Amino acid sequence: PSPLPPHLLGSSLGIEFSYNRVTTGRSRILQIRAGKAALCMTKRNRSRKSLARTHGFRRRMRTTAGRKVLKRRRAKGRRVLCTKTNSPTGKKRMF
């Protein structure tokens, strides 16, 4: 039961809105939050430091699951065990 025709609704545009009605004593607040499709997020650049925090060598060595990852990569013969390691010189090592 919307006053708009179906072709103008957000669902046909890939936009989803969720309505949260919060009613308190005197004031009424209508919050409209846009879904992920409506935020139009572009590609986000990540610094090598933040990638190393998640996928780096020291992070892998910290847990048993991470050590298993390194073990599998060694067994496979990978030249680079952790591709996201942040080198201290700031250069990207390709080989």
C-alpha atoms as a PDB file:
ATOM      1  CA  PRO A   1       0.000   0.000   0.000  1.00  0.00           C
ATOM      2  CA  SER A   2       2.443   2.637  -1.200  1.00  0.00           C
ATOM      3  CA  PRO A   3       1.394   5.890  -2.902  1.00  0.00           C
ATOM      4  CA  LEU A   4       4.185   5.407  -5.465  1.00  0.00           C
ATOM      5  CA  PRO A   5       3.858   3.165  -8.518  1.00  0.00           C
ATOM      6  CA  PRO A   6       5.866  -0.085  -8.363  1.00  0.00           C
ATOM      7  CA  HIS A   7       8.436   1.041 -10.934  1.00  0.00           C
ATOM      8  CA  LEU A   8       9.439   3.956  -8.690  1.00  0.00           C
ATOM      9  CA  LEU A   9       9.856   1.924  -5.536  1.00  0.00           C
ATOM     10  CA  GLY A  10      13.331   1.298  -4.145  1.00  0.00           C
ATOM     11  CA  SER A  11      13.124  -2.480  -4.540  1.00  0.00           C
ATOM     12  CA  SER A  12      13.267  -2.224  -8.334  1.00  0.00           C
ATOM     13  CA  LEU A  13      16.399  -0.068  -8.063  1.00  0.00           C
ATOM     14  CA  GLY A  14      18.236  -2.489  -5.809  1.00  0.00           C
ATOM     15  CA  ILE A  15      17.726  -0.199  -2.821  1.00  0.00           C
ATOM     16  CA  GLU A  16      16.295  -1.497   0.374  1.00  0.00           C
ATOM     17  CA  PHE A  17      15.012   0.681   3.173  1.00  0.00           C
ATOM     18  CA  SER A  18      14.192  -0.514   6.638  1.00  0.00           C
ATOM     19  CA  TYR A  19      11.903   1.621   8.718  1.00  0.00           C
ATOM     20  CA  ASN A  20      12.366   1.699  12.460  1.00  0.00           C
ATOM     21  CA  ARG A  21       9.663   3.538  14.294  1.00  0.00           C
ATOM     22  CA  VAL A  22      10.696   4.551  17.746  1.00  0.00           C
ATOM     23  CA  THR A  23       7.910   6.147  19.718  1.00  0.00           C
ATOM     24  CA  THR A  24       8.679   7.726  23.014  1.00  0.00           C
ATOM     25  CA  GLY A  25       6.369   9.748  25.221  1.00  0.00           C
ATOM     26  CA  ARG A  26       6.198  13.106  23.434  1.00  0.00           C
ATOM     27  CA  SER A  27       8.349  12.816  20.360  1.00  0.00           C
ATOM     28  CA  ARG A  28       8.126  10.451  17.440  1.00  0.00           C
ATOM     29  CA  ILE A  29      11.235   9.580  15.507  1.00  0.00           C
ATOM     30  CA  LEU A  30      11.313   7.903  12.098  1.00  0.00           C
ATOM     31  CA  GLN A  31      14.689   6.467  11.219  1.00  0.00           C
ATOM     32  CA  ILE A  32      15.381   5.396   7.665  1.00  0.00           C
ATOM     33  CA  ARG A  33      18.507   3.358   7.166  1.00  0.00           C
ATOM     34  CA  ALA A  34      19.708   2.554   3.685  1.00  0.00           C
ATOM     35  CA  GLY A  35      20.810  -0.992   2.915  1.00  0.00           C
ATOM     36  CA  LYS A  36      24.231  -1.865   1.567  1.00  0.00           C
ATOM     37  CA  ALA A  37      23.105  -1.553  -2.045  1.00  0.00           C
ATOM     38  CA  ALA A  38      22.129   2.066  -1.525  1.00  0.00           C
ATOM     39  CA  LEU A  39      25.395   3.209   0.005  1.00  0.00           C
ATOM     40  CA  CYS A  40      27.212   3.096  -3.360  1.00  0.00           C
ATOM     41  CA  MET A  41      30.458   2.085  -1.736  1.00  0.00           C
ATOM     42  CA  THR A  42      33.410   2.284  -4.068  1.00  0.00           C
ATOM     43  CA  LYS A  43      36.576   0.253  -3.824  1.00  0.00           C
ATOM     44  CA  ARG A  44      38.318   0.944  -0.557  1.00  0.00           C
ATOM     45  CA  ASN A  45      42.086   1.127  -0.459  1.00  0.00           C
ATOM     46  CA  ARG A  46      43.736  -0.760   2.336  1.00  0.00           C
ATOM     47  CA  SER A  47      47.182   0.002   3.610  1.00  0.00           C
ATOM     48  CA  ARG A  48      49.714  -2.795   3.609  1.00  0.00           C
ATOM     49  CA  LYS A  49      49.962  -2.443   7.373  1.00  0.00           C
ATOM     50  CA  SER A  50      46.286  -3.234   7.951  1.00  0.00           C
ATOM     51  CA  LEU A  51      46.434  -6.171   5.532  1.00  0.00           C
ATOM     52  CA  ALA A  52      49.486  -7.509   7.343  1.00  0.00           C
ATOM     53  CA  ARG A  53      47.613  -7.351  10.635  1.00  0.00           C
ATOM     54  CA  THR A  54      45.085  -9.825   9.254  1.00  0.00           C
ATOM     55  CA  HIS A  55      47.027 -11.903   6.732  1.00  0.00           C
ATOM     56  CA  GLY A  56      50.666 -11.369   7.700  1.00  0.00           C
ATOM     57  CA  PHE A  57      53.285 -13.902   8.747  1.00  0.00           C
ATOM     58  CA  ARG A  58      53.247 -13.065  12.447  1.00  0.00           C
ATOM     59  CA  ARG A  59      49.458 -13.304  12.529  1.00  0.00           C
ATOM     60  CA  ARG A  60      49.645 -16.733  10.875  1.00  0.00           C
ATOM     61  CA  MET A  61      52.228 -17.940  13.369  1.00  0.00           C
ATOM     62  CA  ARG A  62      50.084 -16.847  16.309  1.00  0.00           C
ATOM     63  CA  THR A  63      47.422 -19.565  15.977  1.00  0.00           C
ATOM     64  CA  THR A  64      47.457 -23.271  15.209  1.00  0.00           C
ATOM     65  CA  ALA A  65      45.164 -22.732  12.228  1.00  0.00           C
ATOM     66  CA  GLY A  66      47.530 -20.088  10.880  1.00  0.00           C
ATOM     67  CA  ARG A  67      50.522 -22.384  11.294  1.00  0.00           C
ATOM     68  CA  LYS A  68      48.626 -25.042   9.352  1.00  0.00           C
ATOM     69  CA  VAL A  69      48.114 -22.539   6.537  1.00  0.00           C
ATOM     70  CA  LEU A  70      51.856 -21.876   6.416  1.00  0.00           C
ATOM     71  CA  LYS A  71      52.571 -25.609   6.518  1.00  0.00           C
ATOM     72  CA  ARG A  72      50.261 -26.229   3.554  1.00  0.00           C
ATOM     73  CA  ARG A  73      51.842 -23.398   1.579  1.00  0.00           C
ATOM     74  CA  ARG A  74      55.351 -24.720   2.290  1.00  0.00           C
ATOM     75  CA  ALA A  75      54.280 -28.220   1.222  1.00  0.00           C
ATOM     76  CA  LYS A  76      52.849 -26.830  -1.995  1.00  0.00           C
ATOM     77  CA  GLY A  77      56.131 -25.061  -2.719  1.00  0.00           C
ATOM     78  CA  ARG A  78      54.944 -21.486  -2.541  1.00  0.00           C
ATOM     79  CA  ARG A  79      57.761 -18.969  -2.822  1.00  0.00           C
ATOM     80  CA  VAL A  80      55.807 -16.393  -0.835  1.00  0.00           C
ATOM     81  CA  LEU A  81      54.198 -17.785   2.301  1.00  0.00           C
ATOM     82  CA  CYS A  82      52.269 -14.650   3.202  1.00  0.00           C
ATOM     83  CA  THR A  83      51.485 -12.290   0.368  1.00  0.00           C
ATOM     84  CA  LYS A  84      50.310  -9.478   2.627  1.00  0.00           C
ATOM     85  CA  THR A  85      53.376  -9.161   4.838  1.00  0.00           C
ATOM     86  CA  ASN A  86      54.400  -5.558   5.417  1.00  0.00           C
ATOM     87  CA  SER A  87      58.087  -5.308   4.662  1.00  0.00           C
ATOM     88  CA  PRO A  88      60.068  -2.904   6.862  1.00  0.00           C
ATOM     89  CA  THR A  89      61.625  -1.134   3.859  1.00  0.00           C
ATOM     90  CA  GLY A  90      58.256  -0.300   2.349  1.00  0.00           C
ATOM     91  CA  LYS A  91      58.974  -2.125  -0.902  1.00  0.00           C
ATOM     92  CA  LYS A  92      56.665  -4.777  -2.297  1.00  0.00           C
ATOM     93  CA  ARG A  93      58.440  -8.075  -2.815  1.00  0.00           C
ATOM     94  CA  MET A  94      57.169  -9.813  -5.901  1.00  0.00           C
ATOM     95  CA  PHE A  95      59.440 -12.899  -5.842  1.00  0.00           C
END
